[in-house]
Amino acid sequence: MAKKFKDYYDPEAARLPGSKIKASYSLFDVDKFATYITERLDDKGFLERQDLFVEARGVNLITGLLR
């Protein structure tokens, strides 16, 4: 069975943008970013998963600023 389109937004996929952000913004925590996403993926569809990636980025950028 082919991989569903929504399943491309998975925990492994979270590490790629996380590491790219980290390269430009050293306070960004890739592990927290990936964990935030992984803990919330279960019942989400494609668009909800996209939104989750955006939400996780914002939460982690703000957390880095507050350190």
Protein backbone atom coordinates (compact mmCIF):
# COMPACT_ATOMS: atom_id res chain seq x y z
CA MET A 1 0.00 0.00 0.00
CA ALA A 2 1.29 3.44 -0.89
CA LYS A 3 2.16 5.96 1.78
CA LYS A 4 -0.66 8.44 2.38
CA PHE A 5 0.12 12.04 1.52
CA LYS A 6 -0.51 13.15 5.12
CA ASP A 7 2.06 10.64 6.35
CA TYR A 8 4.88 12.61 4.76
CA TYR A 9 4.43 15.02 7.68
CA ASP A 10 5.77 12.63 10.28
CA PRO A 11 8.31 12.74 13.15
CA GLU A 12 11.21 12.16 10.75
CA ALA A 13 10.04 15.06 8.58
CA ALA A 14 10.10 17.35 11.62
CA ARG A 15 13.86 17.03 11.96
CA LEU A 16 14.62 18.43 8.49
CA PRO A 17 13.07 21.90 8.86
CA GLY A 18 14.15 21.91 12.50
CA SER A 19 17.79 21.45 11.56
CA LYS A 20 17.54 24.11 8.85
CA ILE A 21 16.13 26.61 11.34
CA LYS A 22 18.85 25.65 13.84
CA ALA A 23 21.51 26.49 11.23
CA SER A 24 20.29 30.09 11.16
CA TYR A 25 19.03 30.45 14.72
CA SER A 26 21.24 28.70 17.24
CA LEU A 27 18.72 28.91 20.11
CA PHE A 28 16.22 26.76 18.21
CA ASP A 29 15.79 23.37 19.90
CA VAL A 30 15.31 20.73 17.20
CA ASP A 31 14.51 17.99 19.72
CA LYS A 32 11.73 20.01 21.36
CA PHE A 33 10.38 20.91 17.93
CA ALA A 34 10.26 17.26 16.83
CA THR A 35 8.80 16.12 20.17
CA TYR A 36 6.09 18.79 20.07
CA ILE A 37 5.04 17.52 16.65
CA THR A 38 5.32 13.81 17.45
CA GLU A 39 3.13 14.09 20.55
CA ARG A 40 0.30 15.71 18.56
CA LEU A 41 0.27 13.88 15.19
CA ASP A 42 -1.94 10.87 15.94
CA ASP A 43 -5.35 11.77 14.56
CA LYS A 44 -4.48 14.71 12.33
CA GLY A 45 -5.13 14.95 8.61
CA PHE A 46 -2.85 16.56 6.02
CA LEU A 47 -3.77 20.22 6.55
CA GLU A 48 -3.86 19.82 10.32
CA ARG A 49 -0.36 18.36 10.21
CA GLN A 50 0.87 21.31 8.17
CA ASP A 51 -0.64 23.65 10.74
CA LEU A 52 1.02 21.67 13.53
CA PHE A 53 4.46 22.15 11.94
CA VAL A 54 3.85 25.92 11.80
CA GLU A 55 2.58 25.97 15.39
CA ALA A 56 5.59 24.00 16.62
CA ARG A 57 7.97 26.38 14.89
CA GLY A 58 6.34 29.39 16.53
CA VAL A 59 6.28 27.83 19.98
CA ASN A 60 9.94 26.86 19.77
CA LEU A 61 11.09 30.21 18.38
CA ILE A 62 9.33 32.03 21.22
CA THR A 63 10.79 29.62 23.77
CA GLY A 64 14.27 30.38 22.44
CA LEU A 65 13.67 34.11 22.79
CA LEU A 66 12.56 33.71 26.40
CA ARG A 67 15.72 31.93 27.53
